[in-house]
Amino acid sequence: MTELVKIEEKGRIVIPKSLRERTEMKEGDYVKVTVKEKTIVVMPLEPVADKYFRAFRVDRWPEDLDEFVFEVLKEWWKPKST
């Protein structure tokens, strides 16, 4: 399935509803964006909460597990001064 979209002033694009439904993407989901030569690939990521549901025993999960993991990974990937 292919859709034609226009790049907005700030470089944003809107993923058409038909493609979001087909890939089961919804507001707040995360995607992985990679570049292969002149092709941009946008891949939906499986929610962390779904992937590890019931895999760990915890007293209290963060309110938004995906956002928590995203922030932790962002901090972890920051360049460290040596």
PDB file of N, CA and C in Angstrom:
ATOM      1  N   MET A   1       0.847  -1.172   0.000  1.00  0.00           N
ATOM      2  CA  MET A   1       0.000   0.000   0.000  1.00  0.00           C
ATOM      3  C   MET A   1       0.895   1.238   0.000  1.00  0.00           C
ATOM      4  N   THR A   2       0.598   2.176  -0.829  1.00  0.00           N
ATOM      5  CA  THR A   2       1.381   3.401  -0.936  1.00  0.00           C
ATOM      6  C   THR A   2       0.460   4.605  -0.826  1.00  0.00           C
ATOM      7  N   GLU A   3       0.899   5.616  -0.107  1.00  0.00           N
ATOM      8  CA  GLU A   3       0.148   6.863   0.035  1.00  0.00           C
ATOM      9  C   GLU A   3       1.080   8.019  -0.295  1.00  0.00           C
ATOM     10  N   LEU A   4       0.524   9.091  -0.804  1.00  0.00           N
ATOM     11  CA  LEU A   4       1.284  10.298  -1.106  1.00  0.00           C
ATOM     12  C   LEU A   4       1.034  11.304   0.007  1.00  0.00           C
ATOM     13  N   VAL A   5       2.120  11.806   0.630  1.00  0.00           N
ATOM     14  CA  VAL A   5       1.986  12.802   1.692  1.00  0.00           C
ATOM     15  C   VAL A   5       2.931  13.954   1.406  1.00  0.00           C
ATOM     16  N   LYS A   6       2.624  15.114   1.980  1.00  0.00           N
ATOM     17  CA  LYS A   6       3.442  16.308   1.775  1.00  0.00           C
ATOM     18  C   LYS A   6       4.226  16.606   3.042  1.00  0.00           C
ATOM     19  N   ILE A   7       5.475  16.988   2.890  1.00  0.00           N
ATOM     20  CA  ILE A   7       6.314  17.360   4.021  1.00  0.00           C
ATOM     21  C   ILE A   7       5.945  18.783   4.431  1.00  0.00           C
ATOM     22  N   GLU A   8       5.652  18.980   5.725  1.00  0.00           N
ATOM     23  CA  GLU A   8       5.293  20.295   6.235  1.00  0.00           C
ATOM     24  C   GLU A   8       6.534  21.165   6.418  1.00  0.00           C
ATOM     25  N   GLU A   9       6.306  22.426   6.758  1.00  0.00           N
ATOM     26  CA  GLU A   9       7.374  23.423   6.904  1.00  0.00           C
ATOM     27  C   GLU A   9       8.500  22.958   7.829  1.00  0.00           C
ATOM     28  N   LYS A  10       8.165  22.307   8.930  1.00  0.00           N
ATOM     29  CA  LYS A  10       9.185  21.866   9.890  1.00  0.00           C
ATOM     30  C   LYS A  10       9.666  20.452   9.612  1.00  0.00           C
ATOM     31  N   GLY A  11       9.385  19.915   8.436  1.00  0.00           N
ATOM     32  CA  GLY A  11       9.860  18.583   8.076  1.00  0.00           C
ATOM     33  C   GLY A  11       8.961  17.458   8.541  1.00  0.00           C
ATOM     34  N   ARG A  12       7.804  17.784   9.082  1.00  0.00           N
ATOM     35  CA  ARG A  12       6.882  16.760   9.585  1.00  0.00           C
ATOM     36  C   ARG A  12       6.028  16.200   8.455  1.00  0.00           C
ATOM     37  N   ILE A  13       5.636  14.952   8.652  1.00  0.00           N
ATOM     38  CA  ILE A  13       4.669  14.327   7.751  1.00  0.00           C
ATOM     39  C   ILE A  13       3.575  13.699   8.602  1.00  0.00           C
ATOM     40  N   VAL A  14       2.411  13.521   8.002  1.00  0.00           N
ATOM     41  CA  VAL A  14       1.318  12.834   8.673  1.00  0.00           C
ATOM     42  C   VAL A  14       1.199  11.451   8.047  1.00  0.00           C
ATOM     43  N   ILE A  15       1.217  10.420   8.883  1.00  0.00           N
ATOM     44  CA  ILE A  15       1.029   9.061   8.383  1.00  0.00           C
ATOM     45  C   ILE A  15      -0.475   8.869   8.192  1.00  0.00           C
ATOM     46  N   PRO A  16      -0.904   8.617   6.972  1.00  0.00           N
ATOM     47  CA  PRO A  16      -2.337   8.507   6.705  1.00  0.00           C
ATOM     48  C   PRO A  16      -3.010   7.441   7.571  1.00  0.00           C
ATOM     49  N   LYS A  17      -4.286   7.709   7.891  1.00  0.00           N
ATOM     50  CA  LYS A  17      -5.060   6.822   8.751  1.00  0.00           C
ATOM     51  C   LYS A  17      -5.054   5.387   8.242  1.00  0.00           C
ATOM     52  N   SER A  18      -5.169   5.205   6.926  1.00  0.00           N
ATOM     53  CA  SER A  18      -5.203   3.845   6.369  1.00  0.00           C
ATOM     54  C   SER A  18      -3.919   3.076   6.693  1.00  0.00           C
ATOM     55  N   LEU A  19      -2.774   3.757   6.659  1.00  0.00           N
ATOM     56  CA  LEU A  19      -1.503   3.102   6.985  1.00  0.00           C
ATOM     57  C   LEU A  19      -1.374   2.869   8.487  1.00  0.00           C
ATOM     58  N   ARG A  20      -1.835   3.842   9.300  1.00  0.00           N
ATOM     59  CA  ARG A  20      -1.790   3.657  10.757  1.00  0.00           C
ATOM     60  C   ARG A  20      -2.657   2.481  11.172  1.00  0.00           C
ATOM     61  N   GLU A  21      -3.827   2.366  10.585  1.00  0.00           N
ATOM     62  CA  GLU A  21      -4.712   1.244  10.921  1.00  0.00           C
ATOM     63  C   GLU A  21      -4.101  -0.083  10.491  1.00  0.00           C
ATOM     64  N   ARG A  22      -3.517  -0.095   9.310  1.00  0.00           N
ATOM     65  CA  ARG A  22      -2.925  -1.337   8.800  1.00  0.00           C
ATOM     66  C   ARG A  22      -1.774  -1.815   9.680  1.00  0.00           C
ATOM     67  N   THR A  23      -1.008  -0.877  10.229  1.00  0.00           N
ATOM     68  CA  THR A  23       0.140  -1.225  11.072  1.00  0.00           C
ATOM     69  C   THR A  23      -0.202  -1.180  12.564  1.00  0.00           C
ATOM     70  N   GLU A  24      -1.472  -0.884  12.875  1.00  0.00           N
ATOM     71  CA  GLU A  24      -1.962  -0.802  14.250  1.00  0.00           C
ATOM     72  C   GLU A  24      -1.229   0.257  15.069  1.00  0.00           C
ATOM     73  N   MET A  25      -0.831   1.354  14.405  1.00  0.00           N
ATOM     74  CA  MET A  25      -0.182   2.462  15.094  1.00  0.00           C
ATOM     75  C   MET A  25      -1.257   3.382  15.651  1.00  0.00           C
ATOM     76  N   LYS A  26      -0.974   3.940  16.851  1.00  0.00           N
ATOM     77  CA  LYS A  26      -1.913   4.884  17.433  1.00  0.00           C
ATOM     78  C   LYS A  26      -1.143   6.004  18.120  1.00  0.00           C
ATOM     79  N   GLU A  27      -1.860   7.055  18.480  1.00  0.00           N
ATOM     80  CA  GLU A  27      -1.248   8.204  19.123  1.00  0.00           C
ATOM     81  C   GLU A  27      -0.460   7.764  20.357  1.00  0.00           C
ATOM     82  N   GLY A  28       0.746   8.275  20.498  1.00  0.00           N
ATOM     83  CA  GLY A  28       1.591   7.956  21.645  1.00  0.00           C
ATOM     84  C   GLY A  28       2.534   6.793  21.411  1.00  0.00           C
ATOM     85  N   ASP A  29       2.328   6.032  20.343  1.00  0.00           N
ATOM     86  CA  ASP A  29       3.237   4.925  20.031  1.00  0.00           C
ATOM     87  C   ASP A  29       4.590   5.476  19.591  1.00  0.00           C
ATOM     88  N   TYR A  30       5.603   4.645  19.694  1.00  0.00           N
ATOM     89  CA  TYR A  30       6.935   5.003  19.224  1.00  0.00           C
ATOM     90  C   TYR A  30       7.233   4.271  17.930  1.00  0.00           C
ATOM     91  N   VAL A  31       8.058   4.902  17.107  1.00  0.00           N
ATOM     92  CA  VAL A  31       8.502   4.295  15.855  1.00  0.00           C
ATOM     93  C   VAL A  31      10.014   4.409  15.780  1.00  0.00           C
ATOM     94  N   LYS A  32      10.609   3.511  15.035  1.00  0.00           N
ATOM     95  CA  LYS A  32      12.045   3.565  14.764  1.00  0.00           C
ATOM     96  C   LYS A  32      12.193   4.095  13.343  1.00  0.00           C
ATOM     97  N   VAL A  33      13.013   5.127  13.179  1.00  0.00           N
ATOM     98  CA  VAL A  33      13.218   5.743  11.870  1.00  0.00           C
ATOM     99  C   VAL A  33      14.664   5.508  11.453  1.00  0.00           C
ATOM    100  N   THR A  34      14.858   4.879  10.300  1.00  0.00           N
ATOM    101  CA  THR A  34      16.204   4.632   9.792  1.00  0.00           C
ATOM    102  C   THR A  34      16.291   5.108   8.349  1.00  0.00           C
ATOM    103  N   VAL A  35      17.505   5.318   7.908  1.00  0.00           N
ATOM    104  CA  VAL A  35      17.751   5.744   6.533  1.00  0.00           C
ATOM    105  C   VAL A  35      18.595   4.681   5.849  1.00  0.00           C
ATOM    106  N   LYS A  36      18.163   4.261   4.677  1.00  0.00           N
ATOM    107  CA  LYS A  36      18.914   3.330   3.842  1.00  0.00           C
ATOM    108  C   LYS A  36      19.069   4.007   2.487  1.00  0.00           C
ATOM    109  N   GLU A  37      20.277   4.534   2.265  1.00  0.00           N
ATOM    110  CA  GLU A  37      20.575   5.340   1.083  1.00  0.00           C
ATOM    111  C   GLU A  37      19.607   6.520   1.044  1.00  0.00           C
ATOM    112  N   LYS A  38      18.709   6.590   0.069  1.00  0.00           N
ATOM    113  CA  LYS A  38      17.766   7.711   0.006  1.00  0.00           C
ATOM    114  C   LYS A  38      16.355   7.304   0.421  1.00  0.00           C
ATOM    115  N   THR A  39      16.251   6.203   1.165  1.00  0.00           N
ATOM    116  CA  THR A  39      14.954   5.712   1.612  1.00  0.00           C
ATOM    117  C   THR A  39      14.837   5.877   3.116  1.00  0.00           C
ATOM    118  N   ILE A  40      13.726   6.437   3.580  1.00  0.00           N
ATOM    119  CA  ILE A  40      13.448   6.568   5.002  1.00  0.00           C
ATOM    120  C   ILE A  40      12.467   5.465   5.376  1.00  0.00           C
ATOM    121  N   VAL A  41      12.828   4.683   6.391  1.00  0.00           N
ATOM    122  CA  VAL A  41      11.987   3.573   6.840  1.00  0.00           C
ATOM    123  C   VAL A  41      11.446   3.923   8.227  1.00  0.00           C
ATOM    124  N   VAL A  42      10.125   3.882   8.378  1.00  0.00           N
ATOM    125  CA  VAL A  42       9.466   4.146   9.654  1.00  0.00           C
ATOM    126  C   VAL A  42       8.843   2.831  10.114  1.00  0.00           C
ATOM    127  N   MET A  43       9.340   2.298  11.234  1.00  0.00           N
ATOM    128  CA  MET A  43       8.868   0.999  11.699  1.00  0.00           C
ATOM    129  C   MET A  43       8.235   1.143  13.081  1.00  0.00           C
ATOM    130  N   PRO A  44       6.964   0.737  13.238  1.00  0.00           N
ATOM    131  CA  PRO A  44       6.340   0.804  14.558  1.00  0.00           C
ATOM    132  C   PRO A  44       7.037  -0.136  15.524  1.00  0.00           C
ATOM    133  N   LEU A  45       7.157   0.305  16.777  1.00  0.00           N
ATOM    134  CA  LEU A  45       7.773  -0.521  17.806  1.00  0.00           C
ATOM    135  C   LEU A  45       6.688  -1.139  18.678  1.00  0.00           C
ATOM    136  N   GLU A  46       6.922  -2.366  19.084  1.00  0.00           N
ATOM    137  CA  GLU A  46       5.998  -3.039  19.983  1.00  0.00           C
ATOM    138  C   GLU A  46       6.101  -2.373  21.354  1.00  0.00           C
ATOM    139  N   PRO A  47       4.979  -2.037  21.985  1.00  0.00           N
ATOM    140  CA  PRO A  47       5.047  -1.416  23.303  1.00  0.00           C
ATOM    141  C   PRO A  47       5.797  -2.302  24.301  1.00  0.00           C
ATOM    142  N   VAL A  48       6.661  -1.698  25.075  1.00  0.00           N
ATOM    143  CA  VAL A  48       7.459  -2.432  26.046  1.00  0.00           C
ATOM    144  C   VAL A  48       6.548  -3.132  27.049  1.00  0.00           C
ATOM    145  N   ALA A  49       5.486  -2.456  27.458  1.00  0.00           N
ATOM    146  CA  ALA A  49       4.573  -3.039  28.442  1.00  0.00           C
ATOM    147  C   ALA A  49       3.970  -4.334  27.916  1.00  0.00           C
ATOM    148  N   ASP A  50       3.619  -4.386  26.637  1.00  0.00           N
ATOM    149  CA  ASP A  50       3.061  -5.608  26.050  1.00  0.00           C
ATOM    150  C   ASP A  50       4.115  -6.703  25.959  1.00  0.00           C
ATOM    151  N   LYS A  51       5.327  -6.307  25.577  1.00  0.00           N
ATOM    152  CA  LYS A  51       6.392  -7.280  25.369  1.00  0.00           C
ATOM    153  C   LYS A  51       6.761  -7.996  26.672  1.00  0.00           C
ATOM    154  N   TYR A  52       6.788  -7.262  27.771  1.00  0.00           N
ATOM    155  CA  TYR A  52       7.242  -7.839  29.033  1.00  0.00           C
ATOM    156  C   TYR A  52       6.119  -8.034  30.055  1.00  0.00           C
ATOM    157  N   PHE A  53       4.859  -7.965  29.599  1.00  0.00           N
ATOM    158  CA  PHE A  53       3.736  -8.127  30.517  1.00  0.00           C
ATOM    159  C   PHE A  53       3.860  -9.446  31.279  1.00  0.00           C
ATOM    160  N   ARG A  54       3.815  -9.368  32.585  1.00  0.00           N
ATOM    161  CA  ARG A  54       3.909 -10.508  33.507  1.00  0.00           C
ATOM    162  C   ARG A  54       5.291 -11.178  33.511  1.00  0.00           C
ATOM    163  N   ALA A  55       6.287 -10.572  32.879  1.00  0.00           N
ATOM    164  CA  ALA A  55       7.617 -11.174  32.866  1.00  0.00           C
ATOM    165  C   ALA A  55       8.391 -10.835  34.138  1.00  0.00           C
ATOM    166  N   PHE A  56       8.045  -9.711  34.778  1.00  0.00           N
ATOM    167  CA  PHE A  56       8.756  -9.277  35.973  1.00  0.00           C
ATOM    168  C   PHE A  56       7.759  -9.030  37.094  1.00  0.00           C
ATOM    169  N   ARG A  57       8.201  -9.289  38.275  1.00  0.00           N
ATOM    170  CA  ARG A  57       7.357  -8.995  39.432  1.00  0.00           C
ATOM    171  C   ARG A  57       7.844  -7.687  40.033  1.00  0.00           C
ATOM    172  N   VAL A  58       6.980  -6.694  40.049  1.00  0.00           N
ATOM    173  CA  VAL A  58       7.321  -5.388  40.609  1.00  0.00           C
ATOM    174  C   VAL A  58       6.182  -4.943  41.515  1.00  0.00           C
ATOM    175  N   ASP A  59       6.529  -4.111  42.481  1.00  0.00           N
ATOM    176  CA  ASP A  59       5.504  -3.593  43.388  1.00  0.00           C
ATOM    177  C   ASP A  59       4.644  -2.538  42.707  1.00  0.00           C
ATOM    178  N   ARG A  60       5.275  -1.702  41.890  1.00  0.00           N
ATOM    179  CA  ARG A  60       4.537  -0.628  41.240  1.00  0.00           C
ATOM    180  C   ARG A  60       5.211  -0.273  39.910  1.00  0.00           C
ATOM    181  N   TRP A  61       4.494  -0.410  38.802  1.00  0.00           N
ATOM    182  CA  TRP A  61       5.011  -0.037  37.488  1.00  0.00           C
ATOM    183  C   TRP A  61       4.899   1.470  37.319  1.00  0.00           C
ATOM    184  N   PRO A  62       5.814   2.082  36.548  1.00  0.00           N
ATOM    185  CA  PRO A  62       5.633   3.501  36.228  1.00  0.00           C
ATOM    186  C   PRO A  62       4.293   3.684  35.512  1.00  0.00           C
ATOM    187  N   GLU A  63       3.722   4.868  35.624  1.00  0.00           N
ATOM    188  CA  GLU A  63       2.417   5.124  35.014  1.00  0.00           C
ATOM    189  C   GLU A  63       2.442   4.839  33.516  1.00  0.00           C
ATOM    190  N   ASP A  64       3.508   5.263  32.842  1.00  0.00           N
ATOM    191  CA  ASP A  64       3.649   5.001  31.406  1.00  0.00           C
ATOM    192  C   ASP A  64       4.983   4.296  31.194  1.00  0.00           C
ATOM    193  N   LEU A  65       4.956   2.978  31.127  1.00  0.00           N
ATOM    194  CA  LEU A  65       6.179   2.186  31.039  1.00  0.00           C
ATOM    195  C   LEU A  65       6.969   2.501  29.768  1.00  0.00           C
ATOM    196  N   ASP A  66       6.278   2.685  28.654  1.00  0.00           N
ATOM    197  CA  ASP A  66       6.982   2.987  27.409  1.00  0.00           C
ATOM    198  C   ASP A  66       7.745   4.309  27.515  1.00  0.00           C
ATOM    199  N   GLU A  67       7.112   5.330  28.067  1.00  0.00           N
ATOM    200  CA  GLU A  67       7.768   6.628  28.229  1.00  0.00           C
ATOM    201  C   GLU A  67       8.955   6.504  29.188  1.00  0.00           C
ATOM    202  N   PHE A  68       8.794   5.752  30.274  1.00  0.00           N
ATOM    203  CA  PHE A  68       9.871   5.531  31.239  1.00  0.00           C
ATOM    204  C   PHE A  68      11.080   4.889  30.563  1.00  0.00           C
ATOM    205  N   VAL A  69      10.855   3.812  29.822  1.00  0.00           N
ATOM    206  CA  VAL A  69      11.945   3.104  29.141  1.00  0.00           C
ATOM    207  C   VAL A  69      12.583   4.005  28.094  1.00  0.00           C
ATOM    208  N   PHE A  70      11.780   4.750  27.352  1.00  0.00           N
ATOM    209  CA  PHE A  70      12.297   5.666  26.345  1.00  0.00           C
ATOM    210  C   PHE A  70      13.245   6.681  26.982  1.00  0.00           C
ATOM    211  N   GLU A  71      12.841   7.272  28.109  1.00  0.00           N
ATOM    212  CA  GLU A  71      13.677   8.263  28.786  1.00  0.00           C
ATOM    213  C   GLU A  71      14.956   7.631  29.332  1.00  0.00           C
ATOM    214  N   VAL A  72      14.866   6.425  29.889  1.00  0.00           N
ATOM    215  CA  VAL A  72      16.045   5.729  30.411  1.00  0.00           C
ATOM    216  C   VAL A  72      17.032   5.454  29.277  1.00  0.00           C
ATOM    217  N   LEU A  73      16.528   4.952  28.151  1.00  0.00           N
ATOM    218  CA  LEU A  73      17.413   4.660  27.019  1.00  0.00           C
ATOM    219  C   LEU A  73      18.032   5.926  26.448  1.00  0.00           C
ATOM    220  N   LYS A  74      17.278   7.007  26.384  1.00  0.00           N
ATOM    221  CA  LYS A  74      17.814   8.281  25.902  1.00  0.00           C
ATOM    222  C   LYS A  74      18.987   8.720  26.777  1.00  0.00           C
ATOM    223  N   GLU A  75      18.824   8.590  28.088  1.00  0.00           N
ATOM    224  CA  GLU A  75      19.891   8.958  29.027  1.00  0.00           C
ATOM    225  C   GLU A  75      21.090   8.030  28.875  1.00  0.00           C
ATOM    226  N   TRP A  76      20.821   6.739  28.711  1.00  0.00           N
ATOM    227  CA  TRP A  76      21.887   5.741  28.576  1.00  0.00           C
ATOM    228  C   TRP A  76      22.701   5.953  27.305  1.00  0.00           C
ATOM    229  N   TRP A  77      22.048   6.371  26.212  1.00  0.00           N
ATOM    230  CA  TRP A  77      22.725   6.544  24.929  1.00  0.00           C
ATOM    231  C   TRP A  77      23.464   7.874  24.814  1.00  0.00           C
ATOM    232  N   LYS A  78      23.289   8.784  25.779  1.00  0.00           N
ATOM    233  CA  LYS A  78      23.987  10.062  25.709  1.00  0.00           C
ATOM    234  C   LYS A  78      25.493   9.815  25.748  1.00  0.00           C
ATOM    235  N   PRO A  79      26.239  10.583  24.960  1.00  0.00           N
ATOM    236  CA  PRO A  79      27.709  10.432  25.014  1.00  0.00           C
ATOM    237  C   PRO A  79      28.222  10.729  26.421  1.00  0.00           C
ATOM    238  N   LYS A  80      29.102   9.901  26.894  1.00  0.00           N
ATOM    239  CA  LYS A  80      29.681  10.067  28.243  1.00  0.00           C
ATOM    240  C   LYS A  80      31.055  10.702  28.117  1.00  0.00           C
ATOM    241  N   SER A  81      31.325  11.663  28.977  1.00  0.00           N
ATOM    242  CA  SER A  81      32.658  12.255  28.969  1.00  0.00           C
ATOM    243  C   SER A  81      33.617  11.338  29.716  1.00  0.00           C
ATOM    244  N   THR A  82      34.812  11.183  29.164  1.00  0.00           N
ATOM    245  CA  THR A  82      35.793  10.286  29.790  1.00  0.00           C
ATOM    246  C   THR A  82      36.974  11.050  30.310  1.00  0.00           C
TER     247      THR A  82
END
